Each structure stands twice: as C-alpha cells, then as structure tokens.
Amino acid sequence: MKGILYVVATPIGNLKDITLRAIEVLKAVDLVLAEDTRRSKALLNHLGVSCRVVSCYGEREEERVPMVLDHLSEGKSVALLSDAGTPTISDPGSLLISKVWEAGYKVVPIPGPSALLAALMAAGLEPKPFTFWGFPPRKRGEFISFLERERKRKERSIFYQSPNRLLNTLEALLEVWEDRFAVVARELTKMHEELLRDRISRLIQHFSETTPKGEVVLIVEGYQENQEDVEIESLREMYNQLLKAGLSSKDAAKALHALFAIPKRRVYELAQHQMEEKP
C-alpha cells in the first residue's frame, strides 16, 4: 500500500478559514512537513492535532526528500504546509512534490486560503488574464530592469511584498510603469485588513503618511496601447484646475510633482503643452 502526499492550504490569518477537509487530513497523516514548525505546531494545537512535525523550509527541502519517500513507501501519509496559505505559491514545496511524482506516489491537493486569490476576489477587477510574479527583486537596480523589461505586458501583474518595502516598490512602479491603477491588499482576513484601490501616485501619498503592517498583495493594471495619452490627458485636467485656482504654470507643475509623485517627465510635458497653447 502506497502512501499519499497531501499539499494542504492553511489560514492566512483568520483560523476559521481552515477547511473541514484540511482538518480531517491533518488528523489522519503520519507526518507533517512545515515551512515554520512553530507556526504550524500552533495551528495543529489549535485544531487538536497531535503528530510528528519536521521543518521543510527552502534550504532543507531537498534533504527531506528521502524521509518523505521512506514514509510513503511504508504506506504512511504526509502533509506539506507552508507558513500560511497555499504551499508552493511563493513558498517551498515544488521540488519535494516533483520528487514524489517521479517516485510514483500520489499527490493530493487540499485547497483553501490563498492571499493571491483573496486579493483578486475583493479587488473588483476583471481577474483574467494576470501574471503572478511573487516577491519582486529586492535590489532596486534589478527591480527597475525587470520593470523596464515587462513594461508593455498587457495583463495585470500581481506581486507579494513586505510592508517595509511597499513604498519603494510603488515609487519604482511609478517611475517605470507610470501612474497606473493599482490595488494594495494587506493583512487579509485579519483584524486590520485593508484594501486600497487608486492610482499608484495616490497610493504613494497614502503610504508616505502611514507605515503599513502585514504582508501585502499588490495588483497593478497592465499596459494599454493608449495609456500614455490617457495619463497625459488626466494630468492636464488636474494641471488646468490648478491654473484656474490661481497657481502659476511653474507652481502648478511643482504641486503635481510634490503632491502626487508625478514623474518630472510628465510635469515637463504639461508645461510644454501649456506653452504651445498660448497665442
């Protein structure tokens, strides 16, 4: 009798999101592989589950393969858990699962919570097509190069990001992808859950005034063929409103750059446009 590897999704915040099937499986397996044993043991204790738990974070994933195959060969079942949410989605597990397949054992998904899908559900945007990038490059130069390479990708882009890097990420997006529409979803399913929908420039303004907490899902609109024309027209409208309010051309341009983090190139285009329209 061959064992089974269960890939089990667990709550991303609210413990009530655990599925009945996940609880049933966790109570039945002989071994649990956990990205973080402390977090997984806390969840298992909450569920009243008592079984052996061993670590299986990224650096240890490969060395756990023989142990898992031994258990499966004896007809025992194994569950794979990530810190929270669905394993292998920006978390370890893909290598182990591949080795289990190659060895001829059965892999069974136990679906459930996912920060990626939760954010898409609540974003109010047509969810397809989209590209999920996971965590973007940490070094600014590498991230800028990535953004330049993918700037004209038409589908939505979805990233995971830590709260302390969110503002820098938004600023880089504004610099290269300009002022697209975006959604920031953080602390999903938790007490301080927050979802914000706005232009990148306004999101920068918001997070310049308040420091976010909790892991973040960032959804960014894809490139549109007429995107630059649309953005310029929108900025011109704001620019003209400032002129009507009594600001000089120079002060209006400075205000847009300072208040909304509008790229200097856009401000220059606005000023040039205004000059060209004068008789």
C-alpha atoms as a PDB file:
ATOM      1  CA  MET A   1       0.000   0.000   0.000  1.00  0.00           C
ATOM      2  CA  LYS A   2       1.462   3.322  -1.103  1.00  0.00           C
ATOM      3  CA  GLY A   3       1.273   6.465   0.977  1.00  0.00           C
ATOM      4  CA  ILE A   4      -0.012   9.851  -0.160  1.00  0.00           C
ATOM      5  CA  LEU A   5       1.500  13.325  -0.035  1.00  0.00           C
ATOM      6  CA  TYR A   6      -1.170  15.899   0.801  1.00  0.00           C
ATOM      7  CA  VAL A   7      -0.477  19.529  -0.094  1.00  0.00           C
ATOM      8  CA  VAL A   8      -2.591  21.397   2.452  1.00  0.00           C
ATOM      9  CA  ALA A   9      -3.618  25.062   2.352  1.00  0.00           C
ATOM     10  CA  THR A  10      -3.903  26.679   5.789  1.00  0.00           C
ATOM     11  CA  PRO A  11      -5.315  30.021   7.034  1.00  0.00           C
ATOM     12  CA  ILE A  12      -3.526  33.232   6.034  1.00  0.00           C
ATOM     13  CA  GLY A  13      -4.817  34.982   9.147  1.00  0.00           C
ATOM     14  CA  ASN A  14      -8.253  34.030  10.390  1.00  0.00           C
ATOM     15  CA  LEU A  15      -8.059  30.494  11.778  1.00  0.00           C
ATOM     16  CA  LYS A  16     -11.735  29.928  10.961  1.00  0.00           C
ATOM     17  CA  ASP A  17     -10.766  29.745   7.291  1.00  0.00           C
ATOM     18  CA  ILE A  18      -9.355  26.225   7.714  1.00  0.00           C
ATOM     19  CA  THR A  19     -11.458  23.761   5.718  1.00  0.00           C
ATOM     20  CA  LEU A  20     -13.135  20.712   7.216  1.00  0.00           C
ATOM     21  CA  ARG A  21     -11.252  18.518   4.766  1.00  0.00           C
ATOM     22  CA  ALA A  22      -7.915  20.045   5.796  1.00  0.00           C
ATOM     23  CA  ILE A  23      -8.654  19.284   9.458  1.00  0.00           C
ATOM     24  CA  GLU A  24      -9.624  15.730   8.555  1.00  0.00           C
ATOM     25  CA  VAL A  25      -6.409  15.178   6.609  1.00  0.00           C
ATOM     26  CA  LEU A  26      -4.160  16.703   9.284  1.00  0.00           C
ATOM     27  CA  LYS A  27      -5.692  14.428  11.914  1.00  0.00           C
ATOM     28  CA  ALA A  28      -5.024  11.383   9.746  1.00  0.00           C
ATOM     29  CA  VAL A  29      -1.481  11.894   8.426  1.00  0.00           C
ATOM     30  CA  ASP A  30       1.604  10.345   9.976  1.00  0.00           C
ATOM     31  CA  LEU A  31       3.972  13.242   9.336  1.00  0.00           C
ATOM     32  CA  VAL A  32       3.675  16.981   8.766  1.00  0.00           C
ATOM     33  CA  LEU A  33       6.316  18.910   6.845  1.00  0.00           C
ATOM     34  CA  ALA A  34       6.218  22.568   7.862  1.00  0.00           C
ATOM     35  CA  GLU A  35       7.950  25.644   6.473  1.00  0.00           C
ATOM     36  CA  ASP A  36       7.936  27.029  10.033  1.00  0.00           C
ATOM     37  CA  THR A  37       7.428  24.376  12.725  1.00  0.00           C
ATOM     38  CA  ARG A  38       6.462  26.927  15.383  1.00  0.00           C
ATOM     39  CA  ARG A  39       3.607  28.381  13.348  1.00  0.00           C
ATOM     40  CA  SER A  40       2.394  25.002  12.165  1.00  0.00           C
ATOM     41  CA  LYS A  41       2.502  23.495  15.656  1.00  0.00           C
ATOM     42  CA  ALA A  42       0.446  26.426  16.946  1.00  0.00           C
ATOM     43  CA  LEU A  43      -2.166  25.737  14.270  1.00  0.00           C
ATOM     44  CA  LEU A  44      -2.150  21.993  14.924  1.00  0.00           C
ATOM     45  CA  ASN A  45      -2.529  22.545  18.659  1.00  0.00           C
ATOM     46  CA  HIS A  46      -5.462  24.859  17.974  1.00  0.00           C
ATOM     47  CA  LEU A  47      -7.065  22.100  15.900  1.00  0.00           C
ATOM     48  CA  GLY A  48      -6.327  19.422  18.489  1.00  0.00           C
ATOM     49  CA  VAL A  49      -3.977  17.568  16.124  1.00  0.00           C
ATOM     50  CA  SER A  50      -1.076  15.606  17.533  1.00  0.00           C
ATOM     51  CA  CYS A  51       1.507  14.227  15.107  1.00  0.00           C
ATOM     52  CA  ARG A  52       5.183  14.493  14.250  1.00  0.00           C
ATOM     53  CA  VAL A  53       6.171  17.837  12.702  1.00  0.00           C
ATOM     54  CA  VAL A  54       9.503  18.426  10.943  1.00  0.00           C
ATOM     55  CA  SER A  55      10.856  21.546   9.268  1.00  0.00           C
ATOM     56  CA  CYS A  56      10.868  21.835   5.492  1.00  0.00           C
ATOM     57  CA  TYR A  57      11.871  25.400   4.668  1.00  0.00           C
ATOM     58  CA  GLY A  58      13.632  26.234   1.417  1.00  0.00           C
ATOM     59  CA  GLU A  59      17.171  25.292   2.422  1.00  0.00           C
ATOM     60  CA  ARG A  60      16.080  21.925   3.873  1.00  0.00           C
ATOM     61  CA  GLU A  61      13.549  20.892   1.247  1.00  0.00           C
ATOM     62  CA  GLU A  62      15.887  18.712  -0.793  1.00  0.00           C
ATOM     63  CA  GLU A  63      17.291  16.865   2.215  1.00  0.00           C
ATOM     64  CA  ARG A  64      13.755  15.990   3.364  1.00  0.00           C
ATOM     65  CA  VAL A  65      13.010  14.088   0.156  1.00  0.00           C
ATOM     66  CA  PRO A  66      14.450  10.686   1.318  1.00  0.00           C
ATOM     67  CA  MET A  67      12.492  10.885   4.592  1.00  0.00           C
ATOM     68  CA  VAL A  68       9.250  11.591   2.761  1.00  0.00           C
ATOM     69  CA  LEU A  69       9.816   8.802   0.218  1.00  0.00           C
ATOM     70  CA  ASP A  70      10.583   6.356   3.046  1.00  0.00           C
ATOM     71  CA  HIS A  71       7.296   7.224   4.754  1.00  0.00           C
ATOM     72  CA  LEU A  72       5.348   6.915   1.531  1.00  0.00           C
ATOM     73  CA  SER A  73       6.967   3.558   0.713  1.00  0.00           C
ATOM     74  CA  GLU A  74       5.719   2.261   4.058  1.00  0.00           C
ATOM     75  CA  GLY A  75       2.178   3.284   3.218  1.00  0.00           C
ATOM     76  CA  LYS A  76       2.229   6.307   5.512  1.00  0.00           C
ATOM     77  CA  SER A  77       0.714   9.649   4.574  1.00  0.00           C
ATOM     78  CA  VAL A  78       2.460  13.018   4.733  1.00  0.00           C
ATOM     79  CA  ALA A  79       1.107  16.589   4.765  1.00  0.00           C
ATOM     80  CA  LEU A  80       3.021  19.580   3.412  1.00  0.00           C
ATOM     81  CA  LEU A  81       2.250  23.000   4.959  1.00  0.00           C
ATOM     82  CA  SER A  82       3.618  26.477   4.305  1.00  0.00           C
ATOM     83  CA  ASP A  83       3.688  29.275   6.893  1.00  0.00           C
ATOM     84  CA  ALA A  84       0.227  30.312   5.782  1.00  0.00           C
ATOM     85  CA  GLY A  85      -1.912  29.919   2.696  1.00  0.00           C
ATOM     86  CA  THR A  86      -1.222  27.570  -0.194  1.00  0.00           C
ATOM     87  CA  PRO A  87       2.127  25.722  -0.375  1.00  0.00           C
ATOM     88  CA  THR A  88       4.407  26.368  -3.383  1.00  0.00           C
ATOM     89  CA  ILE A  89       2.831  29.806  -4.080  1.00  0.00           C
ATOM     90  CA  SER A  90       5.976  31.848  -3.313  1.00  0.00           C
ATOM     91  CA  ASP A  91       6.734  29.174  -0.716  1.00  0.00           C
ATOM     92  CA  PRO A  92       8.819  25.966  -0.717  1.00  0.00           C
ATOM     93  CA  GLY A  93       7.426  22.633  -1.852  1.00  0.00           C
ATOM     94  CA  SER A  94       7.718  22.396  -5.632  1.00  0.00           C
ATOM     95  CA  LEU A  95      10.961  20.397  -5.576  1.00  0.00           C
ATOM     96  CA  LEU A  96       9.632  17.926  -2.998  1.00  0.00           C
ATOM     97  CA  ILE A  97       6.360  17.450  -4.872  1.00  0.00           C
ATOM     98  CA  SER A  98       8.243  16.861  -8.121  1.00  0.00           C
ATOM     99  CA  LYS A  99      10.394  14.158  -6.490  1.00  0.00           C
ATOM    100  CA  VAL A 100       7.284  12.459  -5.082  1.00  0.00           C
ATOM    101  CA  TRP A 101       5.731  12.382  -8.556  1.00  0.00           C
ATOM    102  CA  GLU A 102       8.937  10.980 -10.041  1.00  0.00           C
ATOM    103  CA  ALA A 103       8.950   8.217  -7.419  1.00  0.00           C
ATOM    104  CA  GLY A 104       5.446   7.192  -8.461  1.00  0.00           C
ATOM    105  CA  TYR A 105       3.499   8.276  -5.392  1.00  0.00           C
ATOM    106  CA  LYS A 106       0.194  10.106  -5.308  1.00  0.00           C
ATOM    107  CA  VAL A 107      -0.022  13.841  -4.618  1.00  0.00           C
ATOM    108  CA  VAL A 108      -3.376  15.206  -3.426  1.00  0.00           C
ATOM    109  CA  PRO A 109      -4.123  18.951  -3.169  1.00  0.00           C
ATOM    110  CA  ILE A 110      -6.261  20.133  -0.262  1.00  0.00           C
ATOM    111  CA  PRO A 111      -7.269  23.608  -1.481  1.00  0.00           C
ATOM    112  CA  GLY A 112      -8.107  26.510   0.760  1.00  0.00           C
ATOM    113  CA  PRO A 113      -6.892  30.009   1.683  1.00  0.00           C
ATOM    114  CA  SER A 114      -4.630  31.933  -0.684  1.00  0.00           C
ATOM    115  CA  ALA A 115      -3.618  35.580  -0.315  1.00  0.00           C
ATOM    116  CA  LEU A 116      -3.313  35.866  -4.086  1.00  0.00           C
ATOM    117  CA  LEU A 117      -6.881  34.697  -4.743  1.00  0.00           C
ATOM    118  CA  ALA A 118      -8.313  36.558  -1.750  1.00  0.00           C
ATOM    119  CA  ALA A 119      -6.924  39.832  -3.097  1.00  0.00           C
ATOM    120  CA  LEU A 120      -8.295  39.140  -6.576  1.00  0.00           C
ATOM    121  CA  MET A 121     -11.713  38.288  -5.142  1.00  0.00           C
ATOM    122  CA  ALA A 122     -12.039  41.646  -3.403  1.00  0.00           C
ATOM    123  CA  ALA A 123     -10.211  43.870  -5.900  1.00  0.00           C
ATOM    124  CA  GLY A 124     -13.227  44.450  -8.111  1.00  0.00           C
ATOM    125  CA  LEU A 125     -11.120  43.989 -11.242  1.00  0.00           C
ATOM    126  CA  GLU A 126     -11.592  41.545 -14.089  1.00  0.00           C
ATOM    127  CA  PRO A 127      -9.170  38.866 -12.837  1.00  0.00           C
ATOM    128  CA  LYS A 128      -8.025  37.445 -16.150  1.00  0.00           C
ATOM    129  CA  PRO A 129      -5.545  37.421 -17.599  1.00  0.00           C
ATOM    130  CA  PHE A 130      -2.923  38.086 -14.947  1.00  0.00           C
ATOM    131  CA  THR A 131       0.704  37.275 -14.234  1.00  0.00           C
ATOM    132  CA  PHE A 132       1.746  36.377 -10.705  1.00  0.00           C
ATOM    133  CA  TRP A 133       5.363  37.360 -10.023  1.00  0.00           C
ATOM    134  CA  GLY A 134       5.604  36.539  -6.322  1.00  0.00           C
ATOM    135  CA  PHE A 135       8.142  38.691  -4.488  1.00  0.00           C
ATOM    136  CA  PRO A 136       9.947  41.084  -6.871  1.00  0.00           C
ATOM    137  CA  PRO A 137      13.758  41.506  -6.899  1.00  0.00           C
ATOM    138  CA  ARG A 138      14.966  43.129  -3.683  1.00  0.00           C
ATOM    139  CA  LYS A 139      17.739  45.227  -5.247  1.00  0.00           C
ATOM    140  CA  ARG A 140      16.395  48.423  -6.777  1.00  0.00           C
ATOM    141  CA  GLY A 141      18.546  48.174  -9.902  1.00  0.00           C
ATOM    142  CA  GLU A 142      17.351  44.640 -10.608  1.00  0.00           C
ATOM    143  CA  PHE A 143      13.732  45.614  -9.963  1.00  0.00           C
ATOM    144  CA  ILE A 144      13.981  48.641 -12.279  1.00  0.00           C
ATOM    145  CA  SER A 145      15.469  46.423 -15.010  1.00  0.00           C
ATOM    146  CA  PHE A 146      12.650  43.920 -14.507  1.00  0.00           C
ATOM    147  CA  LEU A 147      10.013  46.662 -14.743  1.00  0.00           C
ATOM    148  CA  GLU A 148      11.557  48.085 -17.900  1.00  0.00           C
ATOM    149  CA  ARG A 149      11.604  44.623 -19.473  1.00  0.00           C
ATOM    150  CA  GLU A 150       7.961  43.913 -18.590  1.00  0.00           C
ATOM    151  CA  ARG A 151       6.568  47.447 -19.026  1.00  0.00           C
ATOM    152  CA  LYS A 152       4.348  46.643 -22.016  1.00  0.00           C
ATOM    153  CA  ARG A 153       2.880  43.437 -20.621  1.00  0.00           C
ATOM    154  CA  LYS A 154      -0.869  43.839 -21.131  1.00  0.00           C
ATOM    155  CA  GLU A 155      -2.174  41.528 -18.418  1.00  0.00           C
ATOM    156  CA  ARG A 156      -2.355  42.578 -14.776  1.00  0.00           C
ATOM    157  CA  SER A 157       0.720  41.957 -12.652  1.00  0.00           C
ATOM    158  CA  ILE A 158       0.420  40.658  -9.116  1.00  0.00           C
ATOM    159  CA  PHE A 159       3.216  40.839  -6.557  1.00  0.00           C
ATOM    160  CA  TYR A 160       3.741  39.838  -2.954  1.00  0.00           C
ATOM    161  CA  GLN A 161       5.684  42.371  -0.904  1.00  0.00           C
ATOM    162  CA  SER A 162       6.751  43.003   2.673  1.00  0.00           C
ATOM    163  CA  PRO A 163       5.302  46.136   4.331  1.00  0.00           C
ATOM    164  CA  ASN A 164       8.661  47.862   4.775  1.00  0.00           C
ATOM    165  CA  ARG A 165       9.390  47.596   1.037  1.00  0.00           C
ATOM    166  CA  LEU A 166       5.951  48.594  -0.248  1.00  0.00           C
ATOM    167  CA  LEU A 167       6.613  52.320  -0.620  1.00  0.00           C
ATOM    168  CA  ASN A 168       9.874  51.781  -2.526  1.00  0.00           C
ATOM    169  CA  THR A 169       8.088  49.283  -4.763  1.00  0.00           C
ATOM    170  CA  LEU A 170       5.309  51.750  -5.569  1.00  0.00           C
ATOM    171  CA  GLU A 171       7.836  54.509  -6.290  1.00  0.00           C
ATOM    172  CA  ALA A 172       9.738  52.259  -8.704  1.00  0.00           C
ATOM    173  CA  LEU A 173       6.475  51.287 -10.413  1.00  0.00           C
ATOM    174  CA  LEU A 174       5.540  54.945 -10.835  1.00  0.00           C
ATOM    175  CA  GLU A 175       8.956  55.729 -12.270  1.00  0.00           C
ATOM    176  CA  VAL A 176       8.900  52.975 -14.909  1.00  0.00           C
ATOM    177  CA  TRP A 177       5.258  51.925 -15.428  1.00  0.00           C
ATOM    178  CA  GLU A 178       3.942  55.408 -14.606  1.00  0.00           C
ATOM    179  CA  ASP A 179       0.643  56.185 -12.923  1.00  0.00           C
ATOM    180  CA  ARG A 180      -1.396  53.043 -13.474  1.00  0.00           C
ATOM    181  CA  PHE A 181      -4.375  51.909 -11.435  1.00  0.00           C
ATOM    182  CA  ALA A 182      -3.432  49.515  -8.639  1.00  0.00           C
ATOM    183  CA  VAL A 183      -4.794  47.681  -5.608  1.00  0.00           C
ATOM    184  CA  VAL A 184      -2.952  47.194  -2.326  1.00  0.00           C
ATOM    185  CA  ALA A 185      -4.351  44.427  -0.117  1.00  0.00           C
ATOM    186  CA  ARG A 186      -2.736  43.827   3.267  1.00  0.00           C
ATOM    187  CA  GLU A 187      -3.464  41.873   6.443  1.00  0.00           C
ATOM    188  CA  LEU A 188      -6.045  39.848   4.514  1.00  0.00           C
ATOM    189  CA  THR A 189      -8.586  38.022   6.729  1.00  0.00           C
ATOM    190  CA  LYS A 190      -7.078  39.640   9.836  1.00  0.00           C
ATOM    191  CA  MET A 191      -8.443  42.264  12.215  1.00  0.00           C
ATOM    192  CA  HIS A 192      -6.702  45.181  10.474  1.00  0.00           C
ATOM    193  CA  GLU A 193      -7.414  44.058   6.920  1.00  0.00           C
ATOM    194  CA  GLU A 194      -7.117  46.879   4.392  1.00  0.00           C
ATOM    195  CA  LEU A 195      -7.727  47.099   0.648  1.00  0.00           C
ATOM    196  CA  LEU A 196      -6.975  50.300  -1.257  1.00  0.00           C
ATOM    197  CA  ARG A 197      -7.792  50.961  -4.931  1.00  0.00           C
ATOM    198  CA  ASP A 198      -6.274  54.008  -6.605  1.00  0.00           C
ATOM    199  CA  ARG A 199      -3.621  55.369  -8.911  1.00  0.00           C
ATOM    200  CA  ILE A 200      -0.060  54.495  -7.918  1.00  0.00           C
ATOM    201  CA  SER A 201       0.691  58.163  -7.207  1.00  0.00           C
ATOM    202  CA  ARG A 202      -2.136  58.393  -4.672  1.00  0.00           C
ATOM    203  CA  LEU A 203      -1.134  55.110  -3.058  1.00  0.00           C
ATOM    204  CA  ILE A 204       2.368  56.536  -2.651  1.00  0.00           C
ATOM    205  CA  GLN A 205       0.885  59.587  -0.993  1.00  0.00           C
ATOM    206  CA  HIS A 206      -1.119  57.384   1.395  1.00  0.00           C
ATOM    207  CA  PHE A 207       1.784  55.140   2.388  1.00  0.00           C
ATOM    208  CA  SER A 208       4.129  58.120   2.741  1.00  0.00           C
ATOM    209  CA  GLU A 209       1.913  59.244   5.608  1.00  0.00           C
ATOM    210  CA  THR A 210       1.297  55.870   7.244  1.00  0.00           C
ATOM    211  CA  THR A 211       3.543  52.835   7.655  1.00  0.00           C
ATOM    212  CA  PRO A 212       1.782  49.637   6.550  1.00  0.00           C
ATOM    213  CA  LYS A 213       1.895  46.447   8.576  1.00  0.00           C
ATOM    214  CA  GLY A 214       1.437  42.869   7.455  1.00  0.00           C
ATOM    215  CA  GLU A 215       2.256  41.118   4.193  1.00  0.00           C
ATOM    216  CA  VAL A 216       0.975  42.833   1.063  1.00  0.00           C
ATOM    217  CA  VAL A 217      -0.576  41.712  -2.210  1.00  0.00           C
ATOM    218  CA  LEU A 218      -0.131  44.336  -4.935  1.00  0.00           C
ATOM    219  CA  ILE A 219      -2.200  44.202  -8.136  1.00  0.00           C
ATOM    220  CA  VAL A 220      -1.164  46.537 -10.970  1.00  0.00           C
ATOM    221  CA  GLU A 221      -3.075  47.220 -14.180  1.00  0.00           C
ATOM    222  CA  GLY A 222      -1.473  46.076 -17.418  1.00  0.00           C
ATOM    223  CA  TYR A 223      -0.110  48.269 -20.178  1.00  0.00           C
ATOM    224  CA  GLN A 224      -2.582  49.902 -22.538  1.00  0.00           C
ATOM    225  CA  GLU A 225      -1.654  50.964 -26.056  1.00  0.00           C
ATOM    226  CA  ASN A 226      -3.089  54.441 -25.444  1.00  0.00           C
ATOM    227  CA  GLN A 227      -2.043  54.519 -21.800  1.00  0.00           C
ATOM    228  CA  GLU A 228       0.363  57.454 -22.146  1.00  0.00           C
ATOM    229  CA  ASP A 229      -2.187  59.615 -23.972  1.00  0.00           C
ATOM    230  CA  VAL A 230      -4.839  58.826 -21.346  1.00  0.00           C
ATOM    231  CA  GLU A 231      -2.465  59.644 -18.479  1.00  0.00           C
ATOM    232  CA  ILE A 232      -1.339  62.927 -20.046  1.00  0.00           C
ATOM    233  CA  GLU A 233      -4.943  63.973 -20.578  1.00  0.00           C
ATOM    234  CA  SER A 234      -5.792  63.178 -16.939  1.00  0.00           C
ATOM    235  CA  LEU A 235      -2.787  65.138 -15.695  1.00  0.00           C
ATOM    236  CA  ARG A 236      -3.621  68.061 -17.967  1.00  0.00           C
ATOM    237  CA  GLU A 237      -7.059  68.219 -16.419  1.00  0.00           C
ATOM    238  CA  MET A 238      -5.591  68.447 -12.909  1.00  0.00           C
ATOM    239  CA  TYR A 239      -2.981  70.900 -14.137  1.00  0.00           C
ATOM    240  CA  ASN A 240      -5.599  73.210 -15.652  1.00  0.00           C
ATOM    241  CA  GLN A 241      -7.687  73.060 -12.479  1.00  0.00           C
ATOM    242  CA  LEU A 242      -4.674  74.298 -10.516  1.00  0.00           C
ATOM    243  CA  LEU A 243      -4.154  77.123 -13.010  1.00  0.00           C
ATOM    244  CA  LYS A 244      -7.805  78.136 -12.676  1.00  0.00           C
ATOM    245  CA  ALA A 245      -7.337  78.174  -8.897  1.00  0.00           C
ATOM    246  CA  GLY A 246      -4.707  80.889  -9.365  1.00  0.00           C
ATOM    247  CA  LEU A 247      -1.416  78.988  -9.366  1.00  0.00           C
ATOM    248  CA  SER A 248       1.254  79.921 -11.878  1.00  0.00           C
ATOM    249  CA  SER A 249       2.284  77.396 -14.506  1.00  0.00           C
ATOM    250  CA  LYS A 250       5.507  76.710 -12.609  1.00  0.00           C
ATOM    251  CA  ASP A 251       3.775  76.329  -9.236  1.00  0.00           C
ATOM    252  CA  ALA A 252       1.069  74.082 -10.698  1.00  0.00           C
ATOM    253  CA  ALA A 253       3.723  71.760 -12.129  1.00  0.00           C
ATOM    254  CA  LYS A 254       5.595  71.724  -8.813  1.00  0.00           C
ATOM    255  CA  ALA A 255       2.383  70.947  -6.936  1.00  0.00           C
ATOM    256  CA  LEU A 256       1.588  67.943  -9.127  1.00  0.00           C
ATOM    257  CA  HIS A 257       5.109  66.607  -8.732  1.00  0.00           C
ATOM    258  CA  ALA A 258       5.169  67.111  -4.945  1.00  0.00           C
ATOM    259  CA  LEU A 259       1.622  66.050  -4.058  1.00  0.00           C
ATOM    260  CA  PHE A 260       1.121  63.110  -6.397  1.00  0.00           C
ATOM    261  CA  ALA A 261       4.692  61.996  -7.110  1.00  0.00           C
ATOM    262  CA  ILE A 262       4.088  62.570 -10.809  1.00  0.00           C
ATOM    263  CA  PRO A 263       7.302  61.896 -12.744  1.00  0.00           C
ATOM    264  CA  LYS A 264       9.233  65.009 -13.725  1.00  0.00           C
ATOM    265  CA  ARG A 265       8.994  63.977 -17.382  1.00  0.00           C
ATOM    266  CA  ARG A 266       5.200  64.248 -17.163  1.00  0.00           C
ATOM    267  CA  VAL A 267       5.442  67.643 -15.458  1.00  0.00           C
ATOM    268  CA  TYR A 268       7.732  68.862 -18.238  1.00  0.00           C
ATOM    269  CA  GLU A 269       5.245  67.664 -20.887  1.00  0.00           C
ATOM    270  CA  LEU A 270       2.433  69.532 -19.137  1.00  0.00           C
ATOM    271  CA  ALA A 271       4.420  72.767 -19.083  1.00  0.00           C
ATOM    272  CA  GLN A 272       5.381  72.364 -22.726  1.00  0.00           C
ATOM    273  CA  HIS A 273       1.774  71.743 -23.699  1.00  0.00           C
ATOM    274  CA  GLN A 274       0.656  74.863 -21.863  1.00  0.00           C
ATOM    275  CA  MET A 275       3.280  76.971 -23.612  1.00  0.00           C
ATOM    276  CA  GLU A 276       2.313  75.619 -27.033  1.00  0.00           C
ATOM    277  CA  GLU A 277      -1.359  76.503 -26.488  1.00  0.00           C
ATOM    278  CA  LYS A 278      -0.624  80.149 -25.676  1.00  0.00           C
ATOM    279  CA  PRO A 279      -1.287  82.547 -28.630  1.00  0.00           C
END
